[in-house]
Amino acid sequence: MKNPKSYMLSTKYMFLIILFIFAFGERVLFDFGPNIELITMAMILTSFYLGKKESFWLTFAIIALSDRIIGNSNIFLFTWSGFLIPALLSSVFIQKILKKLITGYRLPATVITLSSVALASNLFFYFWTNFGVWFLGNMYPKTVIGLAMSYINALPFLRYQLISTLIFIPAGFVLTETVISLIKNYQARIRVQGIG
């Protein structure tokens, strides 16, 4: 019989690898469009299922390796921290919200919580990175009006990011829960067959 601890560890790594492949692949191989991305999905699902350390390192690996291929600009510190700060904080918010909202497991409340935390991450990314564009770049004057212009001009990108989050977070969560359920059913059948 397989060691349960090593099985859990291999399942954890498989989950991280699959999320990495999807998010990295979307950035590098099959880009869906401006700010339609899977990094937020990978970050939120990892935060929920594994915790903040894994979420941080997965998010870091995705952006660091994909940026080596697609490149970045002088605002990379803002774009990277725009993902990494939420990666560190999202698991805390998810756990606090879920503890207050529900006792026991309820699918709709969990999907809404994960989506809400992801949307908050998107908003943080929007405000932080566009501040970086204004602060470091020369596209906008260094005035309050210039900062406002930076935010206004980026609204279409925010819209795409919010839409992708509202699609990919629930889809990713439901798919993950379905796979977990199938694995548990398969393991239960194997145990019953082994006993009989």
N, C-alpha and C. Protein backbone atom coordinates (compact mmCIF):
# COMPACT_ATOMS: atom_id res chain seq x y z
N MET A 1 0.84 -1.19 0.00
CA MET A 1 0.00 0.00 0.00
C MET A 1 0.88 1.25 0.00
N LYS A 2 0.45 2.26 -0.72
CA LYS A 2 1.20 3.50 -0.84
C LYS A 2 1.17 4.27 0.47
N ASN A 3 2.29 4.89 0.82
CA ASN A 3 2.38 5.73 2.01
C ASN A 3 1.44 6.93 1.84
N PRO A 4 0.46 7.12 2.75
CA PRO A 4 -0.50 8.23 2.60
C PRO A 4 0.17 9.61 2.56
N LYS A 5 1.26 9.77 3.32
CA LYS A 5 1.94 11.05 3.34
C LYS A 5 2.59 11.35 1.98
N SER A 6 3.22 10.35 1.37
CA SER A 6 3.85 10.58 0.07
C SER A 6 2.79 10.76 -1.01
N TYR A 7 1.63 10.09 -0.86
CA TYR A 7 0.54 10.26 -1.81
C TYR A 7 0.01 11.69 -1.76
N MET A 8 -0.16 12.23 -0.54
CA MET A 8 -0.64 13.61 -0.38
C MET A 8 0.35 14.59 -0.97
N LEU A 9 1.65 14.34 -0.75
CA LEU A 9 2.68 15.21 -1.28
C LEU A 9 2.69 15.19 -2.80
N SER A 10 2.58 14.00 -3.40
CA SER A 10 2.57 13.92 -4.86
C SER A 10 1.31 14.57 -5.44
N THR A 11 0.17 14.45 -4.75
CA THR A 11 -1.06 15.09 -5.20
C THR A 11 -0.91 16.61 -5.14
N LYS A 12 -0.30 17.11 -4.08
CA LYS A 12 -0.05 18.55 -3.94
C LYS A 12 0.81 19.06 -5.08
N TYR A 13 1.90 18.36 -5.37
CA TYR A 13 2.79 18.79 -6.45
C TYR A 13 2.10 18.70 -7.81
N MET A 14 1.28 17.67 -8.01
CA MET A 14 0.55 17.54 -9.27
C MET A 14 -0.40 18.72 -9.45
N PHE A 15 -1.09 19.10 -8.38
CA PHE A 15 -2.01 20.25 -8.42
C PHE A 15 -1.24 21.53 -8.79
N LEU A 16 -0.09 21.75 -8.15
CA LEU A 16 0.72 22.93 -8.44
C LEU A 16 1.23 22.93 -9.88
N ILE A 17 1.64 21.78 -10.36
CA ILE A 17 2.15 21.68 -11.74
C ILE A 17 1.04 21.97 -12.75
N ILE A 18 -0.14 21.43 -12.52
CA ILE A 18 -1.26 21.68 -13.44
C ILE A 18 -1.62 23.16 -13.46
N LEU A 19 -1.72 23.78 -12.28
CA LEU A 19 -2.02 25.22 -12.24
C LEU A 19 -0.93 26.03 -12.93
N PHE A 20 0.33 25.65 -12.69
CA PHE A 20 1.44 26.35 -13.34
C PHE A 20 1.33 26.25 -14.86
N ILE A 21 1.08 25.05 -15.36
CA ILE A 21 1.00 24.84 -16.81
C ILE A 21 -0.10 25.71 -17.42
N PHE A 22 -1.27 25.73 -16.79
CA PHE A 22 -2.37 26.54 -17.32
C PHE A 22 -2.03 28.03 -17.31
N ALA A 23 -1.58 28.55 -16.17
CA ALA A 23 -1.33 29.99 -16.05
C ALA A 23 -0.12 30.42 -16.89
N PHE A 24 0.96 29.65 -16.83
CA PHE A 24 2.14 29.95 -17.63
C PHE A 24 1.81 29.83 -19.11
N GLY A 25 1.12 28.75 -19.47
CA GLY A 25 0.75 28.54 -20.87
C GLY A 25 -0.11 29.65 -21.42
N GLU A 26 -1.06 30.14 -20.61
CA GLU A 26 -1.91 31.24 -21.08
C GLU A 26 -1.09 32.49 -21.33
N ARG A 27 -0.11 32.75 -20.50
CA ARG A 27 0.71 33.96 -20.69
C ARG A 27 1.65 33.84 -21.88
N VAL A 28 2.19 32.65 -22.10
CA VAL A 28 3.26 32.49 -23.09
C VAL A 28 2.78 31.88 -24.41
N LEU A 29 1.90 30.89 -24.35
CA LEU A 29 1.55 30.13 -25.54
C LEU A 29 0.20 30.49 -26.16
N PHE A 30 -0.81 30.64 -25.35
CA PHE A 30 -2.15 30.86 -25.91
C PHE A 30 -2.84 32.03 -25.21
N ASP A 31 -2.27 33.21 -25.35
CA ASP A 31 -2.78 34.40 -24.70
C ASP A 31 -4.23 34.66 -25.14
N PHE A 32 -5.12 34.77 -24.16
CA PHE A 32 -6.53 35.00 -24.45
C PHE A 32 -6.84 36.46 -24.75
N GLY A 33 -5.94 37.37 -24.46
CA GLY A 33 -6.16 38.79 -24.70
C GLY A 33 -5.61 39.62 -23.57
N PRO A 34 -5.69 40.95 -23.71
CA PRO A 34 -5.12 41.82 -22.68
C PRO A 34 -5.83 41.65 -21.33
N ASN A 35 -5.03 41.32 -20.33
CA ASN A 35 -5.48 41.15 -18.95
C ASN A 35 -6.51 40.05 -18.74
N ILE A 36 -6.71 39.20 -19.72
CA ILE A 36 -7.46 37.96 -19.50
C ILE A 36 -6.39 36.95 -19.11
N GLU A 37 -6.38 36.58 -17.85
CA GLU A 37 -5.26 35.80 -17.34
C GLU A 37 -5.72 34.72 -16.37
N LEU A 38 -4.83 33.75 -16.16
CA LEU A 38 -5.11 32.64 -15.25
C LEU A 38 -4.24 32.68 -14.00
N ILE A 39 -3.39 33.70 -13.87
CA ILE A 39 -2.55 33.80 -12.68
C ILE A 39 -3.43 33.96 -11.43
N THR A 40 -4.46 34.79 -11.54
CA THR A 40 -5.33 35.00 -10.38
C THR A 40 -6.01 33.69 -9.98
N MET A 41 -6.47 32.92 -10.95
CA MET A 41 -7.09 31.64 -10.64
C MET A 41 -6.10 30.71 -9.93
N ALA A 42 -4.89 30.60 -10.47
CA ALA A 42 -3.88 29.74 -9.86
C ALA A 42 -3.56 30.21 -8.44
N MET A 43 -3.44 31.52 -8.25
CA MET A 43 -3.12 32.08 -6.95
C MET A 43 -4.23 31.80 -5.93
N ILE A 44 -5.48 32.03 -6.31
CA ILE A 44 -6.61 31.87 -5.38
C ILE A 44 -6.84 30.40 -5.06
N LEU A 45 -6.80 29.53 -6.06
CA LEU A 45 -7.01 28.10 -5.80
C LEU A 45 -5.90 27.53 -4.92
N THR A 46 -4.66 27.96 -5.17
CA THR A 46 -3.55 27.50 -4.35
C THR A 46 -3.69 28.03 -2.93
N SER A 47 -4.10 29.27 -2.78
CA SER A 47 -4.33 29.84 -1.44
C SER A 47 -5.38 29.04 -0.69
N PHE A 48 -6.45 28.69 -1.37
CA PHE A 48 -7.56 27.98 -0.73
C PHE A 48 -7.18 26.56 -0.35
N TYR A 49 -6.58 25.83 -1.27
CA TYR A 49 -6.32 24.41 -1.04
C TYR A 49 -4.99 24.14 -0.31
N LEU A 50 -3.99 25.00 -0.50
CA LEU A 50 -2.67 24.68 0.03
C LEU A 50 -2.12 25.71 1.01
N GLY A 51 -2.42 26.98 0.85
CA GLY A 51 -1.94 28.00 1.77
C GLY A 51 -1.13 29.09 1.10
N LYS A 52 -0.74 30.07 1.91
CA LYS A 52 -0.10 31.26 1.36
C LYS A 52 1.32 31.02 0.85
N LYS A 53 2.06 30.14 1.49
CA LYS A 53 3.44 29.89 1.04
C LYS A 53 3.44 29.31 -0.37
N GLU A 54 2.62 28.31 -0.59
CA GLU A 54 2.53 27.69 -1.91
C GLU A 54 1.98 28.66 -2.94
N SER A 55 0.99 29.47 -2.52
CA SER A 55 0.41 30.46 -3.43
C SER A 55 1.47 31.48 -3.85
N PHE A 56 2.25 31.95 -2.90
CA PHE A 56 3.30 32.93 -3.20
C PHE A 56 4.31 32.35 -4.19
N TRP A 57 4.82 31.14 -3.89
CA TRP A 57 5.87 30.58 -4.74
C TRP A 57 5.36 30.17 -6.11
N LEU A 58 4.13 29.69 -6.19
CA LEU A 58 3.58 29.37 -7.51
C LEU A 58 3.40 30.64 -8.33
N THR A 59 2.84 31.67 -7.72
CA THR A 59 2.64 32.94 -8.43
C THR A 59 3.98 33.52 -8.87
N PHE A 60 4.97 33.47 -7.98
CA PHE A 60 6.31 33.96 -8.32
C PHE A 60 6.88 33.19 -9.50
N ALA A 61 6.78 31.86 -9.47
CA ALA A 61 7.32 31.05 -10.56
C ALA A 61 6.64 31.37 -11.89
N ILE A 62 5.34 31.54 -11.87
CA ILE A 62 4.60 31.84 -13.10
C ILE A 62 5.07 33.17 -13.70
N ILE A 63 5.09 34.22 -12.88
CA ILE A 63 5.43 35.53 -13.46
C ILE A 63 6.92 35.64 -13.78
N ALA A 64 7.78 35.07 -12.94
CA ALA A 64 9.22 35.17 -13.20
C ALA A 64 9.60 34.41 -14.47
N LEU A 65 9.12 33.20 -14.62
CA LEU A 65 9.49 32.41 -15.79
C LEU A 65 8.81 32.91 -17.06
N SER A 66 7.55 33.30 -16.97
CA SER A 66 6.89 33.80 -18.18
C SER A 66 7.46 35.15 -18.60
N ASP A 67 7.82 36.00 -17.64
CA ASP A 67 8.43 37.28 -18.00
C ASP A 67 9.79 37.12 -18.65
N ARG A 68 10.49 36.02 -18.33
CA ARG A 68 11.77 35.76 -19.01
C ARG A 68 11.55 35.53 -20.51
N ILE A 69 10.36 35.04 -20.85
CA ILE A 69 10.05 34.75 -22.26
C ILE A 69 9.38 35.94 -22.93
N ILE A 70 8.32 36.48 -22.30
CA ILE A 70 7.56 37.55 -22.96
C ILE A 70 8.11 38.94 -22.65
N GLY A 71 8.96 39.05 -21.64
CA GLY A 71 9.54 40.34 -21.28
C GLY A 71 8.66 41.13 -20.33
N ASN A 72 9.19 42.25 -19.90
CA ASN A 72 8.47 43.15 -19.02
C ASN A 72 9.09 44.52 -19.20
N SER A 73 8.59 45.50 -18.48
CA SER A 73 9.13 46.85 -18.59
C SER A 73 9.67 47.29 -17.23
N ASN A 74 9.98 48.57 -17.13
CA ASN A 74 10.54 49.07 -15.88
C ASN A 74 9.54 49.05 -14.73
N ILE A 75 8.28 48.74 -14.98
CA ILE A 75 7.32 48.67 -13.88
C ILE A 75 7.14 47.24 -13.37
N PHE A 76 8.08 46.35 -13.71
CA PHE A 76 7.92 44.96 -13.30
C PHE A 76 7.81 44.81 -11.78
N LEU A 77 8.45 45.69 -11.02
CA LEU A 77 8.31 45.60 -9.56
C LEU A 77 6.86 45.83 -9.13
N PHE A 78 6.16 46.69 -9.85
CA PHE A 78 4.75 46.93 -9.55
C PHE A 78 3.89 45.76 -10.03
N THR A 79 4.18 45.22 -11.23
CA THR A 79 3.36 44.11 -11.72
C THR A 79 3.60 42.85 -10.89
N TRP A 80 4.85 42.58 -10.56
CA TRP A 80 5.13 41.38 -9.76
C TRP A 80 4.51 41.51 -8.37
N SER A 81 4.73 42.64 -7.71
CA SER A 81 4.17 42.81 -6.37
C SER A 81 2.64 42.92 -6.44
N GLY A 82 2.12 43.36 -7.58
CA GLY A 82 0.67 43.41 -7.76
C GLY A 82 0.02 42.04 -7.71
N PHE A 83 0.78 41.01 -8.03
CA PHE A 83 0.31 39.63 -7.88
C PHE A 83 0.79 38.99 -6.57
N LEU A 84 2.03 39.29 -6.18
CA LEU A 84 2.62 38.59 -5.02
C LEU A 84 2.03 39.04 -3.68
N ILE A 85 1.70 40.29 -3.53
CA ILE A 85 1.08 40.75 -2.28
C ILE A 85 -0.27 40.06 -2.07
N PRO A 86 -1.16 40.05 -3.08
CA PRO A 86 -2.40 39.28 -2.90
C PRO A 86 -2.16 37.78 -2.68
N ALA A 87 -1.10 37.23 -3.29
CA ALA A 87 -0.81 35.81 -3.08
C ALA A 87 -0.53 35.54 -1.60
N LEU A 88 0.15 36.46 -0.94
CA LEU A 88 0.43 36.29 0.48
C LEU A 88 -0.79 36.52 1.36
N LEU A 89 -1.65 37.43 0.96
CA LEU A 89 -2.78 37.81 1.82
C LEU A 89 -4.07 37.04 1.54
N SER A 90 -4.23 36.51 0.35
CA SER A 90 -5.52 35.93 -0.02
C SER A 90 -5.94 34.75 0.84
N SER A 91 -5.01 33.88 1.22
CA SER A 91 -5.41 32.72 2.04
C SER A 91 -5.94 33.16 3.40
N VAL A 92 -5.37 34.23 3.95
CA VAL A 92 -5.84 34.76 5.24
C VAL A 92 -7.27 35.26 5.10
N PHE A 93 -7.53 36.04 4.05
CA PHE A 93 -8.87 36.58 3.84
C PHE A 93 -9.88 35.48 3.55
N ILE A 94 -9.48 34.50 2.76
CA ILE A 94 -10.39 33.40 2.43
C ILE A 94 -10.81 32.67 3.70
N GLN A 95 -9.84 32.33 4.54
CA GLN A 95 -10.15 31.59 5.76
C GLN A 95 -11.01 32.41 6.72
N LYS A 96 -10.69 33.70 6.87
CA LYS A 96 -11.48 34.55 7.78
C LYS A 96 -12.92 34.70 7.29
N ILE A 97 -13.09 34.93 6.00
CA ILE A 97 -14.44 35.11 5.46
C ILE A 97 -15.23 33.81 5.57
N LEU A 98 -14.61 32.70 5.21
CA LEU A 98 -15.34 31.42 5.25
C LEU A 98 -15.72 31.04 6.68
N LYS A 99 -14.86 31.32 7.65
CA LYS A 99 -15.19 31.00 9.05
C LYS A 99 -16.37 31.82 9.53
N LYS A 100 -16.46 33.07 9.09
CA LYS A 100 -17.58 33.92 9.51
C LYS A 100 -18.87 33.57 8.78
N LEU A 101 -18.75 33.18 7.52
CA LEU A 101 -19.94 32.94 6.71
C LEU A 101 -20.60 31.59 6.96
N ILE A 102 -19.77 30.56 7.05
CA ILE A 102 -20.36 29.21 7.05
C ILE A 102 -19.75 28.33 8.11
N THR A 103 -20.54 27.40 8.55
CA THR A 103 -20.03 26.29 9.35
C THR A 103 -20.27 25.06 8.50
N GLY A 104 -19.26 24.31 8.25
CA GLY A 104 -19.38 23.21 7.31
C GLY A 104 -19.08 23.72 5.91
N TYR A 105 -19.17 22.85 4.98
CA TYR A 105 -18.79 23.16 3.62
C TYR A 105 -20.03 23.44 2.77
N ARG A 106 -20.04 24.60 2.14
CA ARG A 106 -21.13 24.94 1.23
C ARG A 106 -20.54 25.50 -0.05
N LEU A 107 -20.87 24.89 -1.16
CA LEU A 107 -20.30 25.25 -2.45
C LEU A 107 -20.55 26.70 -2.83
N PRO A 108 -21.80 27.20 -2.83
CA PRO A 108 -22.01 28.59 -3.27
C PRO A 108 -21.23 29.61 -2.45
N ALA A 109 -21.22 29.45 -1.13
CA ALA A 109 -20.52 30.41 -0.28
C ALA A 109 -19.02 30.38 -0.56
N THR A 110 -18.48 29.21 -0.82
CA THR A 110 -17.05 29.10 -1.11
C THR A 110 -16.72 29.75 -2.45
N VAL A 111 -17.54 29.50 -3.47
CA VAL A 111 -17.31 30.11 -4.79
C VAL A 111 -17.40 31.63 -4.68
N ILE A 112 -18.38 32.12 -3.97
CA ILE A 112 -18.54 33.57 -3.81
C ILE A 112 -17.36 34.16 -3.05
N THR A 113 -16.91 33.48 -2.02
CA THR A 113 -15.76 33.96 -1.24
C THR A 113 -14.51 33.99 -2.09
N LEU A 114 -14.22 32.90 -2.79
CA LEU A 114 -13.02 32.86 -3.64
C LEU A 114 -13.08 33.93 -4.72
N SER A 115 -14.25 34.09 -5.34
CA SER A 115 -14.41 35.10 -6.39
C SER A 115 -14.26 36.51 -5.82
N SER A 116 -14.78 36.75 -4.63
CA SER A 116 -14.67 38.08 -4.01
C SER A 116 -13.22 38.42 -3.70
N VAL A 117 -12.50 37.47 -3.13
CA VAL A 117 -11.08 37.71 -2.83
C VAL A 117 -10.30 37.92 -4.13
N ALA A 118 -10.64 37.17 -5.15
CA ALA A 118 -9.97 37.33 -6.45
C ALA A 118 -10.27 38.70 -7.06
N LEU A 119 -11.52 39.14 -6.97
CA LEU A 119 -11.88 40.46 -7.50
C LEU A 119 -11.15 41.57 -6.73
N ALA A 120 -11.03 41.41 -5.41
CA ALA A 120 -10.27 42.38 -4.61
C ALA A 120 -8.80 42.38 -5.04
N SER A 121 -8.26 41.20 -5.36
CA SER A 121 -6.88 41.11 -5.86
C SER A 121 -6.74 41.84 -7.19
N ASN A 122 -7.74 41.68 -8.06
CA ASN A 122 -7.73 42.38 -9.35
C ASN A 122 -7.73 43.89 -9.15
N LEU A 123 -8.55 44.36 -8.23
CA LEU A 123 -8.62 45.80 -7.97
C LEU A 123 -7.30 46.32 -7.40
N PHE A 124 -6.71 45.55 -6.48
CA PHE A 124 -5.40 45.94 -5.96
C PHE A 124 -4.40 46.02 -7.11
N PHE A 125 -4.36 45.01 -7.97
CA PHE A 125 -3.44 44.97 -9.11
C PHE A 125 -3.65 46.21 -9.99
N TYR A 126 -4.90 46.53 -10.28
CA TYR A 126 -5.23 47.68 -11.13
C TYR A 126 -4.71 48.98 -10.54
N PHE A 127 -5.04 49.24 -9.27
CA PHE A 127 -4.63 50.50 -8.66
C PHE A 127 -3.11 50.57 -8.48
N TRP A 128 -2.50 49.47 -8.07
CA TRP A 128 -1.07 49.45 -7.81
C TRP A 128 -0.25 49.58 -9.09
N THR A 129 -0.57 48.78 -10.11
CA THR A 129 0.23 48.81 -11.34
C THR A 129 0.04 50.10 -12.12
N ASN A 130 -1.16 50.64 -12.10
CA ASN A 130 -1.36 51.90 -12.82
C ASN A 130 -0.74 53.07 -12.09
N PHE A 131 -0.65 52.98 -10.76
CA PHE A 131 0.15 53.95 -10.02
C PHE A 131 1.60 53.85 -10.47
N GLY A 132 2.09 52.60 -10.64
CA GLY A 132 3.46 52.39 -11.11
C GLY A 132 3.69 52.95 -12.50
N VAL A 133 2.74 52.79 -13.40
CA VAL A 133 2.85 53.36 -14.75
C VAL A 133 2.98 54.88 -14.66
N TRP A 134 2.15 55.48 -13.83
CA TRP A 134 2.19 56.94 -13.66
C TRP A 134 3.50 57.39 -12.99
N PHE A 135 3.90 56.68 -11.94
CA PHE A 135 5.05 57.06 -11.13
C PHE A 135 6.37 56.90 -11.88
N LEU A 136 6.54 55.77 -12.57
CA LEU A 136 7.82 55.48 -13.22
C LEU A 136 7.88 55.89 -14.69
N GLY A 137 6.72 55.94 -15.32
CA GLY A 137 6.70 56.20 -16.75
C GLY A 137 6.66 57.67 -17.09
N ASN A 138 6.60 57.93 -18.39
CA ASN A 138 6.49 59.31 -18.84
C ASN A 138 5.27 59.48 -19.75
N MET A 139 4.32 58.55 -19.65
CA MET A 139 3.09 58.65 -20.45
C MET A 139 2.14 59.71 -19.90
N TYR A 140 2.22 59.97 -18.60
CA TYR A 140 1.28 60.88 -17.94
C TYR A 140 2.05 61.91 -17.13
N PRO A 141 1.52 63.12 -17.04
CA PRO A 141 2.18 64.13 -16.20
C PRO A 141 2.13 63.72 -14.73
N LYS A 142 3.11 64.15 -13.98
CA LYS A 142 3.20 63.80 -12.56
C LYS A 142 2.30 64.73 -11.74
N THR A 143 1.03 64.66 -12.05
CA THR A 143 0.01 65.44 -11.34
C THR A 143 -1.13 64.52 -10.97
N VAL A 144 -2.04 65.02 -10.16
CA VAL A 144 -3.22 64.23 -9.80
C VAL A 144 -4.04 63.92 -11.05
N ILE A 145 -4.10 64.86 -11.97
CA ILE A 145 -4.84 64.63 -13.22
C ILE A 145 -4.14 63.55 -14.05
N GLY A 146 -2.82 63.56 -14.06
CA GLY A 146 -2.07 62.52 -14.76
C GLY A 146 -2.33 61.14 -14.17
N LEU A 147 -2.38 61.06 -12.85
CA LEU A 147 -2.68 59.79 -12.18
C LEU A 147 -4.10 59.34 -12.53
N ALA A 148 -5.03 60.28 -12.50
CA ALA A 148 -6.41 59.95 -12.86
C ALA A 148 -6.50 59.47 -14.30
N MET A 149 -5.75 60.09 -15.20
CA MET A 149 -5.73 59.65 -16.60
C MET A 149 -5.19 58.23 -16.72
N SER A 150 -4.18 57.91 -15.93
CA SER A 150 -3.62 56.56 -15.94
C SER A 150 -4.69 55.53 -15.56
N TYR A 151 -5.46 55.85 -14.53
CA TYR A 151 -6.52 54.94 -14.10
C TYR A 151 -7.66 54.85 -15.12
N ILE A 152 -8.05 55.97 -15.67
CA ILE A 152 -9.15 55.99 -16.65
C ILE A 152 -8.77 55.21 -17.91
N ASN A 153 -7.56 55.44 -18.40
CA ASN A 153 -7.14 54.75 -19.63
C ASN A 153 -6.97 53.24 -19.44
N ALA A 154 -6.81 52.80 -18.22
CA ALA A 154 -6.63 51.37 -17.95
C ALA A 154 -7.94 50.65 -17.66
N LEU A 155 -9.06 51.37 -17.64
CA LEU A 155 -10.34 50.72 -17.32
C LEU A 155 -10.70 49.55 -18.24
N PRO A 156 -10.44 49.62 -19.56
CA PRO A 156 -10.75 48.44 -20.39
C PRO A 156 -9.97 47.19 -19.96
N PHE A 157 -8.72 47.37 -19.53
CA PHE A 157 -7.92 46.24 -19.08
C PHE A 157 -8.48 45.67 -17.77
N LEU A 158 -8.92 46.55 -16.89
CA LEU A 158 -9.54 46.10 -15.65
C LEU A 158 -10.80 45.30 -15.95
N ARG A 159 -11.59 45.77 -16.88
CA ARG A 159 -12.82 45.07 -17.24
C ARG A 159 -12.52 43.64 -17.69
N TYR A 160 -11.53 43.47 -18.56
CA TYR A 160 -11.17 42.14 -19.04
C TYR A 160 -10.66 41.26 -17.90
N GLN A 161 -9.89 41.84 -17.00
CA GLN A 161 -9.36 41.05 -15.89
C GLN A 161 -10.49 40.61 -14.95
N LEU A 162 -11.43 41.50 -14.67
CA LEU A 162 -12.56 41.15 -13.81
C LEU A 162 -13.43 40.07 -14.44
N ILE A 163 -13.68 40.20 -15.73
CA ILE A 163 -14.49 39.19 -16.44
C ILE A 163 -13.80 37.83 -16.40
N SER A 164 -12.50 37.82 -16.67
CA SER A 164 -11.78 36.54 -16.66
C SER A 164 -11.80 35.92 -15.27
N THR A 165 -11.70 36.74 -14.23
CA THR A 165 -11.76 36.24 -12.86
C THR A 165 -13.13 35.64 -12.57
N LEU A 166 -14.18 36.31 -12.99
CA LEU A 166 -15.54 35.81 -12.74
C LEU A 166 -15.85 34.53 -13.52
N ILE A 167 -15.10 34.27 -14.56
CA ILE A 167 -15.27 33.02 -15.31
C ILE A 167 -14.35 31.92 -14.76
N PHE A 168 -13.05 32.24 -14.62
CA PHE A 168 -12.07 31.21 -14.32
C PHE A 168 -12.04 30.77 -12.85
N ILE A 169 -12.37 31.64 -11.91
CA ILE A 169 -12.36 31.22 -10.50
C ILE A 169 -13.44 30.17 -10.25
N PRO A 170 -14.72 30.45 -10.59
CA PRO A 170 -15.74 29.40 -10.37
C PRO A 170 -15.46 28.14 -11.18
N ALA A 171 -15.04 28.30 -12.44
CA ALA A 171 -14.77 27.13 -13.28
C ALA A 171 -13.62 26.30 -12.70
N GLY A 172 -12.56 26.97 -12.29
CA GLY A 172 -11.42 26.26 -11.71
C GLY A 172 -11.77 25.56 -10.41
N PHE A 173 -12.58 26.22 -9.58
CA PHE A 173 -12.98 25.62 -8.31
C PHE A 173 -13.87 24.41 -8.54
N VAL A 174 -14.87 24.55 -9.39
CA VAL A 174 -15.79 23.43 -9.65
C VAL A 174 -15.03 22.26 -10.28
N LEU A 175 -14.13 22.54 -11.20
CA LEU A 175 -13.34 21.47 -11.81
C LEU A 175 -12.46 20.78 -10.77
N THR A 176 -11.82 21.54 -9.90
CA THR A 176 -10.98 20.96 -8.86
C THR A 176 -11.80 20.10 -7.91
N GLU A 177 -12.95 20.61 -7.48
CA GLU A 177 -13.81 19.84 -6.58
C GLU A 177 -14.32 18.57 -7.25
N THR A 178 -14.61 18.64 -8.53
CA THR A 178 -15.06 17.45 -9.27
C THR A 178 -13.96 16.39 -9.30
N VAL A 179 -12.75 16.82 -9.58
CA VAL A 179 -11.62 15.87 -9.62
C VAL A 179 -11.39 15.28 -8.23
N ILE A 180 -11.45 16.09 -7.20
CA ILE A 180 -11.28 15.58 -5.82
C ILE A 180 -12.35 14.54 -5.51
N SER A 181 -13.58 14.83 -5.88
CA SER A 181 -14.68 13.90 -5.63
C SER A 181 -14.48 12.59 -6.39
N LEU A 182 -14.06 12.68 -7.64
CA LEU A 182 -13.81 11.47 -8.44
C LEU A 182 -12.68 10.63 -7.83
N ILE A 183 -11.63 11.29 -7.37
CA ILE A 183 -10.52 10.57 -6.75
C ILE A 183 -10.97 9.87 -5.48
N LYS A 184 -11.75 10.57 -4.65
CA LYS A 184 -12.25 9.97 -3.40
C LYS A 184 -13.15 8.77 -3.70
N ASN A 185 -14.02 8.88 -4.69
CA ASN A 185 -14.89 7.76 -5.06
C ASN A 185 -14.08 6.58 -5.56
N TYR A 186 -13.07 6.85 -6.35
CA TYR A 186 -12.21 5.79 -6.88
C TYR A 186 -11.46 5.10 -5.73
N GLN A 187 -10.92 5.89 -4.80
CA GLN A 187 -10.20 5.31 -3.67
C GLN A 187 -11.13 4.48 -2.79
N ALA A 188 -12.36 4.93 -2.61
CA ALA A 188 -13.32 4.17 -1.80
C ALA A 188 -13.64 2.83 -2.48
N ARG A 189 -13.80 2.84 -3.79
CA ARG A 189 -14.07 1.58 -4.52
C ARG A 189 -12.89 0.63 -4.40
N ILE A 190 -11.68 1.15 -4.49
CA ILE A 190 -10.48 0.31 -4.39
C ILE A 190 -10.41 -0.31 -2.99
N ARG A 191 -10.71 0.47 -1.95
CA ARG A 191 -10.70 -0.06 -0.58
C ARG A 191 -11.73 -1.16 -0.41
N VAL A 192 -12.93 -0.96 -0.95
CA VAL A 192 -14.00 -1.95 -0.83
C VAL A 192 -13.60 -3.22 -1.59
N GLN A 193 -13.04 -3.07 -2.77
CA GLN A 193 -12.62 -4.23 -3.54
C GLN A 193 -11.48 -4.97 -2.86
N GLY A 194 -10.59 -4.20 -2.19
CA GLY A 194 -9.47 -4.83 -1.50
C GLY A 194 -9.91 -5.61 -0.28
N ILE A 195 -10.99 -5.16 0.36
CA ILE A 195 -11.51 -5.84 1.56
C ILE A 195 -12.23 -7.12 1.15
N GLY A 196 -13.02 -7.04 0.06
CA GLY A 196 -13.88 -8.14 -0.37
C GLY A 196 -13.18 -9.23 -1.01
